Amino acid sequence: MTSAAGGSPSHPSPSATRPIRADARRNRARIVEIAELAFTDGGLDVSMDAIAKWAGVGAGTLYRHFPTRDALVAAVLENHQPDLSAEAEVIQNNSVDSGAALERWLDAVSRWMRAYEGLPEPLRTALGEQDSPLRLTCQEVIDTTGEFLQAAQKDGHAREGLTGRNLYLATLAAAWALGTPSADGSTGHELDDLLRSGWRVDS
């Protein structure tokens, strides 16, 4: 194998090909497991050092696997991706029409965005940062939202001119509002109705 510029053969460095040790894999899995529990109980403000302590590893080990909080959040959310993908498939197979499918999908996305207290904020900033560990996760959800939206638009259930990205952002804004101290028992229903009236043709 030669380099892109031609010349002498290039070889991957030993560090690029060396498999992750079993103990390192266990440490990573344990950190993600504990982080998910910690985020569920205390939101995303739980300190990284506390997560390392509860996982039984040193702070240095945690930061080697996850240099930033967003990297750890991305790993935790990655465990939810198969569930979200499975839910998308169930919605597609069991909805009476494409409009109902889009509505059910947006409900699922809203629940995903509110899985942990404080999650909407890093999801928001991720879209503006090219190197954010959360960017790919967000983009996958946006792409699926676009697929549901396009099907609903094709069947006349959703307004033309809308994009999956903007519908995702609107759902994210509603999820953020639900996490504010001023939200009350009626906020969720009213925001759902407002969002639905914004995209549905037959609302």
N, C-alpha and C. Protein backbone atom coordinates (compact mmCIF):
# COMPACT_ATOMS: atom_id res chain seq x y z
N MET A 1 0.86 -1.19 0.00
CA MET A 1 0.00 0.00 0.00
C MET A 1 0.89 1.23 0.00
N THR A 2 0.64 2.17 -0.92
CA THR A 2 1.44 3.39 -1.00
C THR A 2 0.66 4.55 -0.45
N SER A 3 1.39 5.60 -0.11
CA SER A 3 0.74 6.79 0.41
C SER A 3 0.02 7.51 -0.70
N ALA A 4 -0.90 8.45 -0.32
CA ALA A 4 -1.70 9.16 -1.32
C ALA A 4 -0.81 9.96 -2.26
N ALA A 5 0.33 10.38 -1.78
CA ALA A 5 1.22 11.19 -2.61
C ALA A 5 2.17 10.35 -3.44
N GLY A 6 2.09 9.03 -3.37
CA GLY A 6 3.03 8.18 -4.07
C GLY A 6 4.29 8.03 -3.25
N GLY A 7 5.25 7.25 -3.59
CA GLY A 7 6.47 7.12 -2.81
C GLY A 7 6.44 5.86 -2.00
N SER A 8 7.13 5.90 -0.85
CA SER A 8 7.33 4.68 -0.08
C SER A 8 6.05 4.18 0.54
N PRO A 9 5.94 2.87 0.75
CA PRO A 9 4.74 2.31 1.34
C PRO A 9 4.51 2.91 2.72
N SER A 10 3.22 3.11 3.02
CA SER A 10 2.87 3.63 4.34
C SER A 10 2.36 2.50 5.20
N HIS A 11 2.67 2.55 6.47
CA HIS A 11 2.23 1.52 7.40
C HIS A 11 1.57 2.17 8.59
N PRO A 12 0.44 1.65 9.03
CA PRO A 12 -0.20 2.21 10.21
C PRO A 12 0.70 2.05 11.42
N SER A 13 0.65 3.01 12.31
CA SER A 13 1.45 2.93 13.52
C SER A 13 0.94 1.82 14.40
N PRO A 14 1.80 1.28 15.28
CA PRO A 14 1.35 0.22 16.17
C PRO A 14 0.14 0.62 16.99
N SER A 15 0.09 1.91 17.42
CA SER A 15 -1.03 2.35 18.24
C SER A 15 -2.33 2.36 17.46
N ALA A 16 -2.25 2.51 16.11
CA ALA A 16 -3.46 2.55 15.30
C ALA A 16 -4.06 1.16 15.10
N THR A 17 -3.21 0.13 15.21
CA THR A 17 -3.70 -1.22 14.93
C THR A 17 -3.85 -2.05 16.19
N ARG A 18 -3.29 -1.59 17.30
CA ARG A 18 -3.33 -2.38 18.53
C ARG A 18 -4.76 -2.46 19.05
N PRO A 19 -5.30 -3.64 19.29
CA PRO A 19 -6.68 -3.75 19.79
C PRO A 19 -6.78 -3.21 21.20
N ILE A 20 -7.99 -2.72 21.54
CA ILE A 20 -8.21 -2.22 22.89
C ILE A 20 -8.17 -3.39 23.86
N ARG A 21 -7.42 -3.26 24.92
CA ARG A 21 -7.30 -4.33 25.90
C ARG A 21 -8.64 -4.62 26.54
N ALA A 22 -8.80 -5.86 26.99
CA ALA A 22 -10.06 -6.27 27.59
C ALA A 22 -10.39 -5.44 28.82
N ASP A 23 -9.39 -5.13 29.64
CA ASP A 23 -9.66 -4.34 30.84
C ASP A 23 -10.07 -2.92 30.49
N ALA A 24 -9.50 -2.39 29.41
CA ALA A 24 -9.89 -1.05 28.97
C ALA A 24 -11.33 -1.05 28.47
N ARG A 25 -11.72 -2.11 27.76
CA ARG A 25 -13.11 -2.21 27.29
C ARG A 25 -14.06 -2.29 28.48
N ARG A 26 -13.66 -3.07 29.48
CA ARG A 26 -14.51 -3.19 30.67
C ARG A 26 -14.63 -1.84 31.39
N ASN A 27 -13.52 -1.13 31.50
CA ASN A 27 -13.55 0.17 32.15
C ASN A 27 -14.48 1.13 31.41
N ARG A 28 -14.36 1.13 30.09
CA ARG A 28 -15.20 2.03 29.29
C ARG A 28 -16.67 1.69 29.47
N ALA A 29 -17.00 0.42 29.38
CA ALA A 29 -18.39 -0.01 29.53
C ALA A 29 -18.93 0.34 30.92
N ARG A 30 -18.09 0.17 31.94
CA ARG A 30 -18.50 0.47 33.30
C ARG A 30 -18.74 1.97 33.47
N ILE A 31 -17.88 2.78 32.90
CA ILE A 31 -18.06 4.23 32.99
C ILE A 31 -19.37 4.66 32.34
N VAL A 32 -19.65 4.12 31.15
CA VAL A 32 -20.89 4.47 30.45
C VAL A 32 -22.11 4.02 31.26
N GLU A 33 -22.03 2.83 31.83
CA GLU A 33 -23.13 2.31 32.64
C GLU A 33 -23.41 3.22 33.84
N ILE A 34 -22.35 3.59 34.56
CA ILE A 34 -22.51 4.44 35.73
C ILE A 34 -22.95 5.85 35.33
N ALA A 35 -22.42 6.35 34.23
CA ALA A 35 -22.81 7.69 33.77
C ALA A 35 -24.30 7.73 33.46
N GLU A 36 -24.81 6.68 32.84
CA GLU A 36 -26.24 6.65 32.52
C GLU A 36 -27.08 6.70 33.79
N LEU A 37 -26.67 5.95 34.81
CA LEU A 37 -27.39 5.98 36.09
C LEU A 37 -27.27 7.36 36.75
N ALA A 38 -26.07 7.93 36.70
CA ALA A 38 -25.84 9.24 37.31
C ALA A 38 -26.64 10.32 36.61
N PHE A 39 -26.67 10.30 35.28
CA PHE A 39 -27.43 11.30 34.53
C PHE A 39 -28.93 11.15 34.80
N THR A 40 -29.38 9.91 34.94
CA THR A 40 -30.80 9.68 35.22
C THR A 40 -31.18 10.26 36.58
N ASP A 41 -30.32 10.07 37.57
CA ASP A 41 -30.61 10.53 38.93
C ASP A 41 -30.37 12.02 39.12
N GLY A 42 -29.28 12.54 38.53
CA GLY A 42 -28.89 13.92 38.84
C GLY A 42 -28.77 14.84 37.65
N GLY A 43 -29.12 14.38 36.46
CA GLY A 43 -28.98 15.22 35.28
C GLY A 43 -27.53 15.30 34.83
N LEU A 44 -27.30 16.10 33.81
CA LEU A 44 -25.97 16.15 33.20
C LEU A 44 -24.97 16.98 34.00
N ASP A 45 -25.42 17.59 35.08
CA ASP A 45 -24.50 18.40 35.90
C ASP A 45 -23.67 17.56 36.86
N VAL A 46 -23.92 16.25 36.93
CA VAL A 46 -23.12 15.39 37.80
C VAL A 46 -21.65 15.51 37.39
N SER A 47 -20.76 15.65 38.37
CA SER A 47 -19.35 15.88 38.04
C SER A 47 -18.71 14.63 37.45
N MET A 48 -17.76 14.87 36.57
CA MET A 48 -17.03 13.77 35.94
C MET A 48 -16.23 12.99 36.98
N ASP A 49 -15.66 13.70 37.96
CA ASP A 49 -14.89 13.03 39.00
C ASP A 49 -15.77 12.09 39.82
N ALA A 50 -17.00 12.51 40.09
CA ALA A 50 -17.92 11.65 40.84
C ALA A 50 -18.25 10.40 40.04
N ILE A 51 -18.45 10.55 38.75
CA ILE A 51 -18.74 9.38 37.90
C ILE A 51 -17.55 8.42 37.92
N ALA A 52 -16.35 8.96 37.83
CA ALA A 52 -15.16 8.10 37.88
C ALA A 52 -15.10 7.35 39.20
N LYS A 53 -15.37 8.03 40.30
CA LYS A 53 -15.33 7.40 41.61
C LYS A 53 -16.36 6.29 41.72
N TRP A 54 -17.58 6.56 41.28
CA TRP A 54 -18.65 5.56 41.35
C TRP A 54 -18.36 4.37 40.44
N ALA A 55 -17.65 4.63 39.34
CA ALA A 55 -17.31 3.55 38.41
C ALA A 55 -16.11 2.75 38.88
N GLY A 56 -15.42 3.23 39.92
CA GLY A 56 -14.26 2.52 40.45
C GLY A 56 -13.02 2.67 39.61
N VAL A 57 -12.92 3.81 38.90
CA VAL A 57 -11.72 4.07 38.09
C VAL A 57 -11.17 5.44 38.48
N GLY A 58 -9.93 5.69 38.12
CA GLY A 58 -9.35 6.99 38.35
C GLY A 58 -9.85 8.02 37.36
N ALA A 59 -9.76 9.28 37.73
CA ALA A 59 -10.19 10.34 36.82
C ALA A 59 -9.41 10.29 35.50
N GLY A 60 -8.12 9.94 35.59
CA GLY A 60 -7.32 9.85 34.37
C GLY A 60 -7.85 8.81 33.41
N THR A 61 -8.31 7.68 33.95
CA THR A 61 -8.88 6.63 33.10
C THR A 61 -10.14 7.12 32.42
N LEU A 62 -11.00 7.80 33.18
CA LEU A 62 -12.23 8.33 32.59
C LEU A 62 -11.91 9.29 31.45
N TYR A 63 -10.98 10.21 31.70
CA TYR A 63 -10.69 11.23 30.68
C TYR A 63 -9.94 10.67 29.48
N ARG A 64 -9.25 9.55 29.65
CA ARG A 64 -8.63 8.91 28.48
C ARG A 64 -9.71 8.38 27.54
N HIS A 65 -10.77 7.83 28.12
CA HIS A 65 -11.86 7.32 27.29
C HIS A 65 -12.77 8.45 26.80
N PHE A 66 -13.01 9.43 27.67
CA PHE A 66 -13.97 10.49 27.36
C PHE A 66 -13.35 11.85 27.75
N PRO A 67 -12.66 12.48 26.81
CA PRO A 67 -11.94 13.73 27.12
C PRO A 67 -12.86 14.87 27.57
N THR A 68 -14.13 14.82 27.15
CA THR A 68 -15.07 15.88 27.51
C THR A 68 -16.38 15.26 27.98
N ARG A 69 -17.18 16.08 28.64
CA ARG A 69 -18.49 15.62 29.08
C ARG A 69 -19.35 15.23 27.87
N ASP A 70 -19.28 16.03 26.79
CA ASP A 70 -20.08 15.73 25.61
C ASP A 70 -19.71 14.36 25.03
N ALA A 71 -18.44 13.99 25.10
CA ALA A 71 -18.03 12.68 24.62
C ALA A 71 -18.68 11.57 25.44
N LEU A 72 -18.78 11.79 26.74
CA LEU A 72 -19.43 10.80 27.60
C LEU A 72 -20.93 10.77 27.35
N VAL A 73 -21.54 11.94 27.20
CA VAL A 73 -22.97 12.00 26.89
C VAL A 73 -23.26 11.30 25.57
N ALA A 74 -22.40 11.51 24.57
CA ALA A 74 -22.58 10.85 23.27
C ALA A 74 -22.54 9.34 23.41
N ALA A 75 -21.62 8.84 24.25
CA ALA A 75 -21.52 7.39 24.45
C ALA A 75 -22.77 6.85 25.13
N VAL A 76 -23.30 7.59 26.09
CA VAL A 76 -24.53 7.17 26.77
C VAL A 76 -25.70 7.16 25.78
N LEU A 77 -25.81 8.22 24.98
CA LEU A 77 -26.90 8.28 24.01
C LEU A 77 -26.77 7.21 22.93
N GLU A 78 -25.54 6.82 22.63
CA GLU A 78 -25.32 5.78 21.64
C GLU A 78 -26.01 4.48 22.04
N ASN A 79 -26.10 4.25 23.36
CA ASN A 79 -26.80 3.06 23.84
C ASN A 79 -28.30 3.15 23.59
N HIS A 80 -28.81 4.37 23.41
CA HIS A 80 -30.23 4.55 23.15
C HIS A 80 -30.56 4.48 21.66
N GLN A 81 -29.56 4.63 20.79
CA GLN A 81 -29.81 4.69 19.36
C GLN A 81 -30.51 3.44 18.82
N PRO A 82 -30.09 2.23 19.22
CA PRO A 82 -30.82 1.06 18.72
C PRO A 82 -32.28 1.07 19.13
N ASP A 83 -32.59 1.54 20.35
CA ASP A 83 -33.97 1.62 20.79
C ASP A 83 -34.75 2.64 19.97
N LEU A 84 -34.13 3.78 19.68
CA LEU A 84 -34.79 4.82 18.89
C LEU A 84 -35.00 4.34 17.46
N SER A 85 -34.02 3.64 16.91
CA SER A 85 -34.16 3.09 15.55
C SER A 85 -35.26 2.05 15.50
N ALA A 86 -35.33 1.21 16.54
CA ALA A 86 -36.38 0.20 16.60
C ALA A 86 -37.76 0.85 16.72
N GLU A 87 -37.83 1.94 17.47
CA GLU A 87 -39.10 2.65 17.62
C GLU A 87 -39.53 3.25 16.29
N ALA A 88 -38.58 3.78 15.53
CA ALA A 88 -38.90 4.32 14.21
C ALA A 88 -39.50 3.24 13.32
N GLU A 89 -38.94 2.04 13.37
CA GLU A 89 -39.45 0.94 12.55
C GLU A 89 -40.85 0.54 12.99
N VAL A 90 -41.08 0.49 14.29
CA VAL A 90 -42.41 0.15 14.81
C VAL A 90 -43.43 1.19 14.36
N ILE A 91 -43.05 2.46 14.44
CA ILE A 91 -43.95 3.55 14.03
C ILE A 91 -44.30 3.42 12.56
N GLN A 92 -43.29 3.17 11.74
CA GLN A 92 -43.52 3.04 10.30
C GLN A 92 -44.46 1.90 9.98
N ASN A 93 -44.35 0.82 10.74
CA ASN A 93 -45.13 -0.39 10.45
C ASN A 93 -46.53 -0.39 11.06
N ASN A 94 -46.78 0.51 12.02
CA ASN A 94 -48.03 0.43 12.75
C ASN A 94 -48.88 1.70 12.72
N SER A 95 -48.45 2.71 12.01
CA SER A 95 -49.23 3.95 11.95
C SER A 95 -50.24 3.87 10.81
N VAL A 96 -51.40 4.49 11.03
CA VAL A 96 -52.46 4.43 10.03
C VAL A 96 -52.14 5.28 8.81
N ASP A 97 -51.40 6.35 8.99
CA ASP A 97 -50.99 7.17 7.85
C ASP A 97 -49.67 7.87 8.18
N SER A 98 -49.11 8.52 7.17
CA SER A 98 -47.79 9.14 7.35
C SER A 98 -47.83 10.34 8.28
N GLY A 99 -48.98 11.01 8.38
CA GLY A 99 -49.10 12.11 9.32
C GLY A 99 -49.05 11.63 10.75
N ALA A 100 -49.77 10.54 11.02
CA ALA A 100 -49.75 9.95 12.36
C ALA A 100 -48.35 9.42 12.68
N ALA A 101 -47.68 8.88 11.67
CA ALA A 101 -46.32 8.37 11.88
C ALA A 101 -45.38 9.48 12.28
N LEU A 102 -45.47 10.63 11.61
CA LEU A 102 -44.60 11.76 11.94
C LEU A 102 -44.90 12.25 13.35
N GLU A 103 -46.17 12.32 13.70
CA GLU A 103 -46.53 12.78 15.04
C GLU A 103 -45.96 11.84 16.11
N ARG A 104 -46.08 10.54 15.89
CA ARG A 104 -45.55 9.57 16.85
C ARG A 104 -44.02 9.66 16.92
N TRP A 105 -43.37 9.88 15.78
CA TRP A 105 -41.92 9.98 15.78
C TRP A 105 -41.46 11.21 16.56
N LEU A 106 -42.13 12.34 16.37
CA LEU A 106 -41.74 13.54 17.09
C LEU A 106 -41.96 13.37 18.60
N ASP A 107 -42.98 12.62 18.99
CA ASP A 107 -43.17 12.31 20.41
C ASP A 107 -41.99 11.49 20.93
N ALA A 108 -41.54 10.52 20.13
CA ALA A 108 -40.41 9.69 20.53
C ALA A 108 -39.13 10.52 20.63
N VAL A 109 -38.92 11.43 19.69
CA VAL A 109 -37.74 12.29 19.71
C VAL A 109 -37.78 13.20 20.94
N SER A 110 -38.96 13.72 21.25
CA SER A 110 -39.08 14.58 22.42
C SER A 110 -38.73 13.83 23.70
N ARG A 111 -39.18 12.60 23.82
CA ARG A 111 -38.83 11.80 25.00
C ARG A 111 -37.33 11.54 25.05
N TRP A 112 -36.73 11.28 23.90
CA TRP A 112 -35.28 11.04 23.82
C TRP A 112 -34.52 12.29 24.25
N MET A 113 -34.99 13.46 23.82
CA MET A 113 -34.32 14.71 24.16
C MET A 113 -34.42 15.03 25.66
N ARG A 114 -35.43 14.47 26.31
CA ARG A 114 -35.66 14.76 27.73
C ARG A 114 -35.27 13.57 28.61
N ALA A 115 -34.47 12.66 28.07
CA ALA A 115 -34.09 11.47 28.83
C ALA A 115 -33.34 11.84 30.10
N TYR A 116 -32.56 12.93 30.04
CA TYR A 116 -31.78 13.38 31.19
C TYR A 116 -31.95 14.88 31.35
N GLU A 117 -32.06 15.32 32.58
CA GLU A 117 -32.18 16.75 32.84
C GLU A 117 -30.95 17.49 32.30
N GLY A 118 -31.20 18.54 31.52
CA GLY A 118 -30.11 19.32 30.96
C GLY A 118 -29.64 18.85 29.59
N LEU A 119 -30.22 17.77 29.06
CA LEU A 119 -29.76 17.24 27.77
C LEU A 119 -30.04 18.17 26.59
N PRO A 120 -31.18 18.88 26.55
CA PRO A 120 -31.42 19.73 25.37
C PRO A 120 -30.31 20.72 25.06
N GLU A 121 -29.64 21.25 26.09
CA GLU A 121 -28.61 22.27 25.83
C GLU A 121 -27.42 21.71 25.04
N PRO A 122 -26.79 20.60 25.45
CA PRO A 122 -25.69 20.08 24.62
C PRO A 122 -26.15 19.61 23.24
N LEU A 123 -27.40 19.15 23.13
CA LEU A 123 -27.92 18.79 21.82
C LEU A 123 -28.02 20.02 20.93
N ARG A 124 -28.38 21.14 21.52
CA ARG A 124 -28.48 22.39 20.76
C ARG A 124 -27.11 22.85 20.27
N THR A 125 -26.15 22.88 21.17
CA THR A 125 -24.82 23.39 20.79
C THR A 125 -24.10 22.45 19.84
N ALA A 126 -24.44 21.16 19.88
CA ALA A 126 -23.74 20.18 19.04
C ALA A 126 -23.88 20.49 17.56
N LEU A 127 -25.03 21.02 17.16
CA LEU A 127 -25.26 21.27 15.73
C LEU A 127 -24.40 22.39 15.19
N GLY A 128 -23.89 23.24 16.07
CA GLY A 128 -23.05 24.35 15.62
C GLY A 128 -21.57 24.10 15.75
N GLU A 129 -21.20 22.90 16.19
CA GLU A 129 -19.79 22.57 16.41
C GLU A 129 -19.41 21.36 15.57
N GLN A 130 -18.57 21.58 14.59
CA GLN A 130 -18.20 20.51 13.66
C GLN A 130 -17.56 19.32 14.36
N ASP A 131 -16.81 19.57 15.43
CA ASP A 131 -16.09 18.49 16.09
C ASP A 131 -16.81 17.97 17.33
N SER A 132 -18.08 18.33 17.51
CA SER A 132 -18.81 17.86 18.68
C SER A 132 -19.06 16.35 18.60
N PRO A 133 -18.79 15.60 19.68
CA PRO A 133 -19.06 14.17 19.67
C PRO A 133 -20.54 13.85 19.51
N LEU A 134 -21.40 14.84 19.80
CA LEU A 134 -22.84 14.63 19.71
C LEU A 134 -23.41 14.95 18.32
N ARG A 135 -22.60 15.55 17.47
CA ARG A 135 -23.11 16.02 16.18
C ARG A 135 -23.65 14.88 15.32
N LEU A 136 -22.93 13.78 15.23
CA LEU A 136 -23.36 12.66 14.40
C LEU A 136 -24.66 12.06 14.93
N THR A 137 -24.76 11.94 16.26
CA THR A 137 -25.98 11.41 16.86
C THR A 137 -27.17 12.29 16.51
N CYS A 138 -27.00 13.60 16.64
CA CYS A 138 -28.08 14.53 16.30
C CYS A 138 -28.44 14.43 14.82
N GLN A 139 -27.43 14.32 13.97
CA GLN A 139 -27.70 14.28 12.53
C GLN A 139 -28.48 13.04 12.15
N GLU A 140 -28.22 11.93 12.80
CA GLU A 140 -28.96 10.71 12.52
C GLU A 140 -30.45 10.89 12.84
N VAL A 141 -30.73 11.55 13.96
CA VAL A 141 -32.12 11.80 14.33
C VAL A 141 -32.76 12.79 13.36
N ILE A 142 -32.01 13.80 12.95
CA ILE A 142 -32.53 14.77 11.98
C ILE A 142 -32.86 14.07 10.66
N ASP A 143 -31.98 13.18 10.22
CA ASP A 143 -32.21 12.48 8.95
C ASP A 143 -33.49 11.64 9.01
N THR A 144 -33.69 10.94 10.13
CA THR A 144 -34.90 10.14 10.27
C THR A 144 -36.13 11.03 10.33
N THR A 145 -36.02 12.17 11.02
CA THR A 145 -37.13 13.13 11.07
C THR A 145 -37.47 13.60 9.67
N GLY A 146 -36.45 13.85 8.86
CA GLY A 146 -36.67 14.27 7.48
C GLY A 146 -37.39 13.21 6.66
N GLU A 147 -37.08 11.95 6.91
CA GLU A 147 -37.75 10.87 6.17
C GLU A 147 -39.24 10.80 6.53
N PHE A 148 -39.55 10.90 7.81
CA PHE A 148 -40.95 10.90 8.23
C PHE A 148 -41.67 12.13 7.67
N LEU A 149 -41.01 13.28 7.72
CA LEU A 149 -41.61 14.52 7.23
C LEU A 149 -41.89 14.44 5.73
N GLN A 150 -40.93 13.97 4.97
CA GLN A 150 -41.11 13.89 3.52
C GLN A 150 -42.27 12.97 3.15
N ALA A 151 -42.42 11.87 3.87
CA ALA A 151 -43.54 10.96 3.60
C ALA A 151 -44.87 11.66 3.89
N ALA A 152 -44.91 12.42 5.00
CA ALA A 152 -46.13 13.13 5.36
C ALA A 152 -46.42 14.25 4.36
N GLN A 153 -45.39 14.92 3.88
CA GLN A 153 -45.58 15.97 2.88
C GLN A 153 -46.10 15.38 1.57
N LYS A 154 -45.56 14.26 1.19
CA LYS A 154 -45.97 13.61 -0.05
C LYS A 154 -47.44 13.24 -0.02
N ASP A 155 -47.93 12.84 1.16
CA ASP A 155 -49.32 12.42 1.30
C ASP A 155 -50.25 13.57 1.66
N GLY A 156 -49.71 14.78 1.76
CA GLY A 156 -50.55 15.95 2.03
C GLY A 156 -50.89 16.16 3.49
N HIS A 157 -50.15 15.51 4.39
CA HIS A 157 -50.43 15.66 5.82
C HIS A 157 -49.56 16.73 6.48
N ALA A 158 -48.46 17.09 5.84
CA ALA A 158 -47.54 18.08 6.42
C ALA A 158 -47.31 19.21 5.44
N ARG A 159 -47.06 20.39 5.96
CA ARG A 159 -46.87 21.56 5.13
C ARG A 159 -45.61 21.45 4.30
N GLU A 160 -45.69 21.95 3.07
CA GLU A 160 -44.51 22.03 2.22
C GLU A 160 -43.59 23.13 2.75
N GLY A 161 -42.32 23.04 2.42
CA GLY A 161 -41.37 24.05 2.81
C GLY A 161 -40.68 23.79 4.13
N LEU A 162 -41.19 22.84 4.91
CA LEU A 162 -40.55 22.48 6.16
C LEU A 162 -39.40 21.51 5.90
N THR A 163 -38.40 21.52 6.78
CA THR A 163 -37.29 20.58 6.67
C THR A 163 -37.20 19.76 7.95
N GLY A 164 -36.58 18.60 7.83
CA GLY A 164 -36.39 17.75 8.99
C GLY A 164 -35.54 18.43 10.05
N ARG A 165 -34.55 19.20 9.62
CA ARG A 165 -33.68 19.90 10.57
C ARG A 165 -34.47 20.90 11.41
N ASN A 166 -35.31 21.70 10.74
CA ASN A 166 -36.05 22.72 11.47
C ASN A 166 -37.14 22.12 12.35
N LEU A 167 -37.72 21.02 11.92
CA LEU A 167 -38.71 20.35 12.76
C LEU A 167 -38.03 19.73 13.98
N TYR A 168 -36.83 19.22 13.79
CA TYR A 168 -36.02 18.73 14.91
C TYR A 168 -35.73 19.86 15.89
N LEU A 169 -35.33 21.02 15.36
CA LEU A 169 -35.01 22.16 16.22
C LEU A 169 -36.23 22.66 16.98
N ALA A 170 -37.39 22.64 16.33
CA ALA A 170 -38.62 23.05 17.01
C ALA A 170 -38.94 22.09 18.15
N THR A 171 -38.76 20.81 17.91
CA THR A 171 -38.99 19.81 18.95
C THR A 171 -38.00 19.98 20.09
N LEU A 172 -36.75 20.31 19.73
CA LEU A 172 -35.72 20.54 20.74
C LEU A 172 -36.05 21.77 21.59
N ALA A 173 -36.55 22.81 20.95
CA ALA A 173 -36.93 24.02 21.69
C ALA A 173 -38.03 23.71 22.70
N ALA A 174 -39.01 22.91 22.28
CA ALA A 174 -40.09 22.53 23.19
C ALA A 174 -39.55 21.67 24.33
N ALA A 175 -38.62 20.77 24.04
CA ALA A 175 -38.03 19.93 25.08
C ALA A 175 -37.26 20.77 26.09
N TRP A 176 -36.56 21.79 25.59
CA TRP A 176 -35.83 22.69 26.49
C TRP A 176 -36.81 23.43 27.39
N ALA A 177 -37.91 23.94 26.81
CA ALA A 177 -38.89 24.71 27.59
C ALA A 177 -39.51 23.86 28.69
N LEU A 178 -39.71 22.58 28.42
CA LEU A 178 -40.30 21.70 29.43
C LEU A 178 -39.38 21.52 30.63
N GLY A 179 -38.09 21.76 30.45
CA GLY A 179 -37.15 21.60 31.55
C GLY A 179 -36.91 22.85 32.35
N THR A 180 -37.58 23.95 32.00
CA THR A 180 -37.39 25.20 32.73
C THR A 180 -38.28 25.24 33.97
N PRO A 181 -37.87 25.98 35.00
CA PRO A 181 -38.67 26.05 36.23
C PRO A 181 -40.08 26.60 36.02
N SER A 182 -40.27 27.41 34.98
CA SER A 182 -41.58 28.02 34.76
C SER A 182 -42.58 27.08 34.09
N ALA A 183 -42.13 25.93 33.61
CA ALA A 183 -43.05 24.97 32.98
C ALA A 183 -43.97 24.38 34.06
N ASP A 184 -45.23 24.14 33.67
CA ASP A 184 -46.16 23.52 34.61
C ASP A 184 -46.84 22.33 33.95
N GLY A 185 -47.87 21.82 34.57
CA GLY A 185 -48.51 20.60 34.08
C GLY A 185 -49.14 20.74 32.72
N SER A 186 -49.46 21.96 32.31
CA SER A 186 -50.11 22.16 31.00
C SER A 186 -49.11 22.44 29.88
N THR A 187 -47.86 22.72 30.24
CA THR A 187 -46.88 23.16 29.24
C THR A 187 -46.67 22.13 28.15
N GLY A 188 -46.51 20.87 28.54
CA GLY A 188 -46.23 19.83 27.55
C GLY A 188 -47.33 19.70 26.52
N HIS A 189 -48.59 19.64 26.98
CA HIS A 189 -49.71 19.50 26.05
C HIS A 189 -49.83 20.71 25.13
N GLU A 190 -49.66 21.90 25.70
CA GLU A 190 -49.80 23.11 24.89
C GLU A 190 -48.69 23.22 23.85
N LEU A 191 -47.47 22.87 24.23
CA LEU A 191 -46.37 22.92 23.27
C LEU A 191 -46.54 21.87 22.18
N ASP A 192 -47.02 20.68 22.57
CA ASP A 192 -47.28 19.64 21.57
C ASP A 192 -48.32 20.12 20.56
N ASP A 193 -49.39 20.74 21.06
CA ASP A 193 -50.43 21.24 20.17
C ASP A 193 -49.89 22.34 19.26
N LEU A 194 -49.06 23.21 19.84
CA LEU A 194 -48.49 24.30 19.05
C LEU A 194 -47.58 23.77 17.96
N LEU A 195 -46.74 22.82 18.30
CA LEU A 195 -45.84 22.24 17.31
C LEU A 195 -46.62 21.50 16.23
N ARG A 196 -47.63 20.75 16.64
CA ARG A 196 -48.44 19.99 15.69
C ARG A 196 -49.16 20.92 14.72
N SER A 197 -49.70 22.01 15.23
CA SER A 197 -50.42 22.95 14.36
C SER A 197 -49.47 23.64 13.40
N GLY A 198 -48.19 23.65 13.72
CA GLY A 198 -47.21 24.28 12.86
C GLY A 198 -46.83 23.45 11.65
N TRP A 199 -46.93 22.11 11.76
CA TRP A 199 -46.52 21.29 10.62
C TRP A 199 -47.68 20.58 9.93
N ARG A 200 -48.78 20.34 10.63
CA ARG A 200 -49.87 19.58 10.02
C ARG A 200 -50.70 20.44 9.09
N VAL A 201 -51.11 19.88 7.98
CA VAL A 201 -52.00 20.55 7.06
C VAL A 201 -53.43 20.44 7.56
N ASP A 202 -53.75 19.31 8.14
CA ASP A 202 -55.14 19.04 8.54
C ASP A 202 -55.34 19.24 10.03
N SER A 203 -54.51 20.12 10.66
CA SER A 203 -54.67 20.37 12.09
C SER A 203 -55.83 21.33 12.34
